[in-house]
Amino acid sequence: MASLSLSLGLLVLCTLALVQCGPYDDRVRVWCGPAFGGMTSVLKNQANPTWPGEFNFLDIIDKSVLKLEVWNDNVGPDNRLGTCTTTIRKGTHIETCHLKKGTVYYTYTYDYSH
């Protein structure tokens, strides 16, 4: 009988910043695979917001997809400014994602045991 072994790991997303044209009321929603990690606070009237803190995901399978959705939270219905995705890799990585109106910069670290 063959045994199946999964490599489960810890993913930490940090250093989340957005550079864009014009001030918005932005927030970011974060997923890794099917797991919703939460969202940032809304930063009002910020042209280039940077969010403090981290998003931690436990028991993440290698090569899962990290997804960031950037939203404008101005009065009225939410408006998604864009989505960033990357397939996670072991180690620490600095990523850049270009949106229609701006660029997202973020860093993540992923480590797993065999």
N, C-alpha and C. Protein backbone atom coordinates (compact mmCIF):
# COMPACT_ATOMS: atom_id res chain seq x y z
N MET A 1 0.84 -1.17 0.00
CA MET A 1 0.00 0.00 0.00
C MET A 1 0.89 1.23 0.00
N ALA A 2 0.67 2.11 -0.93
CA ALA A 2 1.46 3.35 -1.02
C ALA A 2 0.94 4.36 -0.01
N SER A 3 1.86 5.13 0.53
CA SER A 3 1.44 6.17 1.47
C SER A 3 1.54 7.53 0.79
N LEU A 4 0.61 8.37 1.11
CA LEU A 4 0.58 9.72 0.56
C LEU A 4 1.06 10.68 1.63
N SER A 5 2.00 11.54 1.26
CA SER A 5 2.49 12.51 2.22
C SER A 5 2.39 13.90 1.63
N LEU A 6 1.80 14.79 2.39
CA LEU A 6 1.67 16.18 1.97
C LEU A 6 2.64 17.03 2.75
N SER A 7 3.24 17.99 2.09
CA SER A 7 4.08 18.96 2.78
C SER A 7 3.20 20.14 3.17
N LEU A 8 2.99 20.30 4.47
CA LEU A 8 2.19 21.41 4.97
C LEU A 8 3.13 22.45 5.55
N GLY A 9 2.79 23.70 5.36
CA GLY A 9 3.71 24.73 5.82
C GLY A 9 3.01 25.96 6.35
N LEU A 10 3.83 26.91 6.74
CA LEU A 10 3.39 28.20 7.26
C LEU A 10 3.71 29.27 6.23
N LEU A 11 2.72 30.08 5.90
CA LEU A 11 2.89 31.20 4.99
C LEU A 11 2.64 32.48 5.77
N VAL A 12 3.56 33.43 5.67
CA VAL A 12 3.41 34.73 6.32
C VAL A 12 3.50 35.80 5.24
N LEU A 13 2.45 36.60 5.11
CA LEU A 13 2.42 37.71 4.17
C LEU A 13 2.65 38.99 4.95
N CYS A 14 3.59 39.80 4.52
CA CYS A 14 3.86 41.08 5.20
C CYS A 14 4.33 42.10 4.18
N THR A 15 4.63 43.29 4.62
CA THR A 15 5.11 44.39 3.77
C THR A 15 4.17 44.59 2.58
N LEU A 16 2.96 44.96 2.88
CA LEU A 16 1.93 45.13 1.86
C LEU A 16 1.76 46.62 1.58
N ALA A 17 2.05 47.05 0.33
CA ALA A 17 1.96 48.47 -0.04
C ALA A 17 1.35 48.61 -1.43
N LEU A 18 0.68 49.74 -1.64
CA LEU A 18 0.04 50.03 -2.91
C LEU A 18 0.48 51.41 -3.37
N VAL A 19 0.96 51.50 -4.60
CA VAL A 19 1.33 52.79 -5.20
C VAL A 19 0.37 53.01 -6.36
N GLN A 20 -0.32 54.17 -6.36
CA GLN A 20 -1.37 54.38 -7.36
C GLN A 20 -1.53 55.85 -7.70
N CYS A 21 -2.44 56.09 -8.63
CA CYS A 21 -2.78 57.45 -9.04
C CYS A 21 -4.02 57.90 -8.27
N GLY A 22 -3.89 58.91 -7.47
CA GLY A 22 -5.04 59.47 -6.76
C GLY A 22 -5.31 58.81 -5.43
N PRO A 23 -5.85 59.59 -4.49
CA PRO A 23 -6.18 59.02 -3.18
C PRO A 23 -7.50 58.26 -3.21
N TYR A 24 -7.51 57.09 -2.63
CA TYR A 24 -8.70 56.26 -2.50
C TYR A 24 -8.81 55.83 -1.05
N ASP A 25 -9.90 55.14 -0.75
CA ASP A 25 -10.08 54.51 0.56
C ASP A 25 -9.90 53.01 0.33
N ASP A 26 -8.67 52.55 0.44
CA ASP A 26 -8.32 51.20 0.01
C ASP A 26 -8.29 50.20 1.15
N ARG A 27 -8.51 48.95 0.77
CA ARG A 27 -8.29 47.81 1.64
C ARG A 27 -7.94 46.62 0.76
N VAL A 28 -7.36 45.60 1.37
CA VAL A 28 -6.94 44.41 0.64
C VAL A 28 -7.51 43.18 1.35
N ARG A 29 -8.09 42.27 0.58
CA ARG A 29 -8.56 40.97 1.08
C ARG A 29 -7.54 39.93 0.65
N VAL A 30 -7.26 38.96 1.54
CA VAL A 30 -6.17 38.01 1.31
C VAL A 30 -6.65 36.57 1.45
N TRP A 31 -6.27 35.72 0.47
CA TRP A 31 -6.53 34.28 0.51
C TRP A 31 -5.24 33.53 0.22
N CYS A 32 -5.15 32.31 0.74
CA CYS A 32 -4.13 31.37 0.30
C CYS A 32 -4.84 30.05 0.08
N GLY A 33 -4.86 29.60 -1.17
CA GLY A 33 -5.68 28.44 -1.51
C GLY A 33 -7.13 28.79 -1.18
N PRO A 34 -7.87 27.87 -0.54
CA PRO A 34 -9.26 28.16 -0.20
C PRO A 34 -9.42 28.95 1.11
N ALA A 35 -8.32 29.17 1.83
CA ALA A 35 -8.39 29.80 3.15
C ALA A 35 -8.41 31.33 3.04
N PHE A 36 -9.45 31.94 3.60
CA PHE A 36 -9.53 33.40 3.66
C PHE A 36 -8.76 33.86 4.89
N GLY A 37 -7.77 34.73 4.68
CA GLY A 37 -6.91 35.17 5.77
C GLY A 37 -7.36 36.45 6.43
N GLY A 38 -8.34 37.13 5.83
CA GLY A 38 -8.83 38.37 6.40
C GLY A 38 -8.60 39.53 5.45
N MET A 39 -8.74 40.73 6.01
CA MET A 39 -8.55 41.93 5.20
C MET A 39 -7.87 43.00 6.02
N THR A 40 -7.26 43.92 5.31
CA THR A 40 -6.61 45.05 5.97
C THR A 40 -7.67 46.03 6.45
N SER A 41 -7.24 46.97 7.25
CA SER A 41 -8.11 48.08 7.60
C SER A 41 -8.22 49.00 6.38
N VAL A 42 -9.23 49.85 6.39
CA VAL A 42 -9.39 50.83 5.31
C VAL A 42 -8.52 52.03 5.63
N LEU A 43 -7.68 52.43 4.69
CA LEU A 43 -6.86 53.62 4.85
C LEU A 43 -7.49 54.72 4.00
N LYS A 44 -8.04 55.71 4.65
CA LYS A 44 -8.80 56.77 3.97
C LYS A 44 -7.90 57.79 3.30
N ASN A 45 -8.26 58.15 2.07
CA ASN A 45 -7.61 59.22 1.30
C ASN A 45 -6.09 59.08 1.23
N GLN A 46 -5.62 57.87 1.04
CA GLN A 46 -4.19 57.60 0.93
C GLN A 46 -3.85 57.32 -0.53
N ALA A 47 -2.92 58.07 -1.08
CA ALA A 47 -2.50 57.83 -2.46
C ALA A 47 -1.60 56.60 -2.56
N ASN A 48 -0.80 56.36 -1.54
CA ASN A 48 0.15 55.24 -1.54
C ASN A 48 0.13 54.54 -0.18
N PRO A 49 -0.95 53.81 0.12
CA PRO A 49 -1.06 53.21 1.45
C PRO A 49 -0.10 52.04 1.67
N THR A 50 0.35 51.93 2.91
CA THR A 50 1.13 50.78 3.37
C THR A 50 0.44 50.26 4.62
N TRP A 51 0.16 48.96 4.67
CA TRP A 51 -0.54 48.39 5.80
C TRP A 51 0.43 47.69 6.73
N PRO A 52 0.33 47.96 8.02
CA PRO A 52 1.17 47.26 8.99
C PRO A 52 0.59 45.87 9.27
N GLY A 53 1.37 45.04 9.89
CA GLY A 53 0.87 43.74 10.30
C GLY A 53 1.18 42.64 9.30
N GLU A 54 0.68 41.46 9.64
CA GLU A 54 0.94 40.26 8.84
C GLU A 54 -0.34 39.46 8.70
N PHE A 55 -0.36 38.61 7.69
CA PHE A 55 -1.39 37.59 7.54
C PHE A 55 -0.68 36.26 7.63
N ASN A 56 -1.12 35.40 8.55
CA ASN A 56 -0.50 34.09 8.76
C ASN A 56 -1.46 32.99 8.33
N PHE A 57 -0.95 32.04 7.58
CA PHE A 57 -1.72 30.89 7.14
C PHE A 57 -0.99 29.64 7.60
N LEU A 58 -1.68 28.76 8.31
CA LEU A 58 -1.10 27.50 8.78
C LEU A 58 -1.56 26.35 7.88
N ASP A 59 -0.79 25.29 7.85
CA ASP A 59 -1.13 24.07 7.12
C ASP A 59 -1.43 24.34 5.64
N ILE A 60 -0.56 25.11 5.02
CA ILE A 60 -0.70 25.43 3.61
C ILE A 60 0.07 24.41 2.78
N ILE A 61 -0.54 23.92 1.72
CA ILE A 61 0.09 22.95 0.83
C ILE A 61 1.01 23.69 -0.14
N ASP A 62 2.19 23.11 -0.37
CA ASP A 62 3.16 23.68 -1.31
C ASP A 62 2.49 23.95 -2.66
N LYS A 63 2.85 25.06 -3.27
CA LYS A 63 2.35 25.50 -4.57
C LYS A 63 0.88 25.94 -4.54
N SER A 64 0.39 26.31 -3.35
CA SER A 64 -0.93 26.93 -3.26
C SER A 64 -0.86 28.32 -3.89
N VAL A 65 -2.01 28.88 -4.20
CA VAL A 65 -2.06 30.22 -4.80
C VAL A 65 -2.41 31.25 -3.73
N LEU A 66 -1.56 32.26 -3.64
CA LEU A 66 -1.80 33.42 -2.78
C LEU A 66 -2.55 34.45 -3.62
N LYS A 67 -3.69 34.93 -3.10
CA LYS A 67 -4.50 35.89 -3.86
C LYS A 67 -4.77 37.13 -3.01
N LEU A 68 -4.53 38.30 -3.60
CA LEU A 68 -4.82 39.58 -2.97
C LEU A 68 -5.82 40.32 -3.84
N GLU A 69 -6.92 40.77 -3.25
CA GLU A 69 -7.89 41.60 -3.95
C GLU A 69 -7.81 43.00 -3.37
N VAL A 70 -7.61 43.99 -4.22
CA VAL A 70 -7.52 45.39 -3.79
C VAL A 70 -8.87 46.05 -4.07
N TRP A 71 -9.44 46.68 -3.03
CA TRP A 71 -10.76 47.29 -3.13
C TRP A 71 -10.72 48.76 -2.77
N ASN A 72 -11.52 49.55 -3.47
CA ASN A 72 -11.76 50.95 -3.15
C ASN A 72 -13.03 50.97 -2.31
N ASP A 73 -12.93 51.45 -1.09
CA ASP A 73 -14.04 51.38 -0.14
C ASP A 73 -14.74 52.73 0.01
N ASN A 74 -14.72 53.57 -1.04
CA ASN A 74 -15.41 54.86 -0.97
C ASN A 74 -16.90 54.66 -0.77
N VAL A 75 -17.60 55.75 -0.48
CA VAL A 75 -19.04 55.69 -0.27
C VAL A 75 -19.69 55.06 -1.50
N GLY A 76 -20.66 54.20 -1.25
CA GLY A 76 -21.32 53.49 -2.34
C GLY A 76 -20.84 52.05 -2.37
N PRO A 77 -21.18 51.34 -3.43
CA PRO A 77 -20.76 49.93 -3.51
C PRO A 77 -19.24 49.81 -3.63
N ASP A 78 -18.74 48.70 -3.10
CA ASP A 78 -17.30 48.45 -3.21
C ASP A 78 -16.90 48.34 -4.67
N ASN A 79 -15.71 48.81 -4.96
CA ASN A 79 -15.17 48.71 -6.31
C ASN A 79 -13.83 48.00 -6.25
N ARG A 80 -13.75 46.85 -6.89
CA ARG A 80 -12.48 46.12 -6.91
C ARG A 80 -11.55 46.80 -7.91
N LEU A 81 -10.36 47.16 -7.42
CA LEU A 81 -9.35 47.80 -8.27
C LEU A 81 -8.51 46.78 -9.01
N GLY A 82 -8.48 45.55 -8.52
CA GLY A 82 -7.71 44.51 -9.19
C GLY A 82 -7.40 43.35 -8.28
N THR A 83 -6.86 42.29 -8.87
CA THR A 83 -6.51 41.07 -8.15
C THR A 83 -5.08 40.68 -8.50
N CYS A 84 -4.35 40.26 -7.49
CA CYS A 84 -2.98 39.76 -7.66
C CYS A 84 -2.95 38.30 -7.24
N THR A 85 -2.30 37.44 -8.02
CA THR A 85 -2.13 36.05 -7.64
C THR A 85 -0.70 35.62 -7.88
N THR A 86 -0.24 34.73 -7.03
CA THR A 86 1.08 34.12 -7.23
C THR A 86 1.06 32.72 -6.64
N THR A 87 1.75 31.80 -7.27
CA THR A 87 1.92 30.45 -6.73
C THR A 87 3.07 30.50 -5.75
N ILE A 88 2.80 30.11 -4.50
CA ILE A 88 3.82 30.26 -3.47
C ILE A 88 4.96 29.27 -3.66
N ARG A 89 6.15 29.72 -3.26
CA ARG A 89 7.37 28.92 -3.31
C ARG A 89 8.08 29.03 -1.97
N LYS A 90 8.84 28.03 -1.66
CA LYS A 90 9.57 28.03 -0.39
C LYS A 90 10.56 29.19 -0.37
N GLY A 91 10.69 29.82 0.80
CA GLY A 91 11.62 30.93 0.97
C GLY A 91 10.89 32.25 1.13
N THR A 92 11.66 33.33 1.08
CA THR A 92 11.11 34.68 1.17
C THR A 92 11.16 35.32 -0.21
N HIS A 93 10.05 35.93 -0.61
CA HIS A 93 9.94 36.48 -1.96
C HIS A 93 9.29 37.85 -1.94
N ILE A 94 9.81 38.75 -2.76
CA ILE A 94 9.24 40.08 -2.95
C ILE A 94 8.51 40.05 -4.28
N GLU A 95 7.24 40.43 -4.26
CA GLU A 95 6.41 40.35 -5.46
C GLU A 95 5.90 41.73 -5.86
N THR A 96 5.66 41.90 -7.15
CA THR A 96 5.08 43.12 -7.71
C THR A 96 3.89 42.72 -8.57
N CYS A 97 2.79 43.44 -8.42
CA CYS A 97 1.58 43.15 -9.19
C CYS A 97 1.03 44.46 -9.73
N HIS A 98 0.85 44.52 -11.04
CA HIS A 98 0.36 45.74 -11.69
C HIS A 98 -1.16 45.67 -11.85
N LEU A 99 -1.82 46.71 -11.35
CA LEU A 99 -3.27 46.85 -11.48
C LEU A 99 -3.56 47.90 -12.55
N LYS A 100 -4.85 48.10 -12.87
CA LYS A 100 -5.20 49.16 -13.82
C LYS A 100 -4.73 50.52 -13.33
N LYS A 101 -4.92 50.78 -12.05
CA LYS A 101 -4.55 52.07 -11.47
C LYS A 101 -3.65 51.84 -10.27
N GLY A 102 -2.45 51.42 -10.52
CA GLY A 102 -1.51 51.28 -9.42
C GLY A 102 -0.75 49.97 -9.45
N THR A 103 0.14 49.83 -8.49
CA THR A 103 0.99 48.66 -8.37
C THR A 103 1.01 48.22 -6.91
N VAL A 104 0.88 46.92 -6.68
CA VAL A 104 0.95 46.35 -5.34
C VAL A 104 2.32 45.72 -5.16
N TYR A 105 2.95 46.02 -4.03
CA TYR A 105 4.22 45.41 -3.64
C TYR A 105 3.98 44.64 -2.35
N TYR A 106 4.44 43.39 -2.32
CA TYR A 106 4.26 42.62 -1.09
C TYR A 106 5.38 41.60 -0.95
N THR A 107 5.58 41.17 0.27
CA THR A 107 6.59 40.17 0.60
C THR A 107 5.90 39.03 1.32
N TYR A 108 6.28 37.80 0.98
CA TYR A 108 5.78 36.66 1.75
C TYR A 108 6.93 35.70 2.02
N THR A 109 6.76 34.94 3.09
CA THR A 109 7.70 33.88 3.44
C THR A 109 6.91 32.59 3.59
N TYR A 110 7.41 31.53 2.97
CA TYR A 110 6.76 30.23 3.07
C TYR A 110 7.80 29.20 3.45
N ASP A 111 7.47 28.40 4.47
CA ASP A 111 8.36 27.34 4.92
C ASP A 111 7.51 26.12 5.23
N TYR A 112 8.00 24.97 4.87
CA TYR A 112 7.27 23.74 5.15
C TYR A 112 8.23 22.64 5.55
N SER A 113 7.66 21.63 6.21
CA SER A 113 8.45 20.45 6.57
C SER A 113 7.99 19.29 5.70
N HIS A 114 8.89 18.39 5.44
CA HIS A 114 8.56 17.25 4.57
C HIS A 114 7.95 16.13 5.38
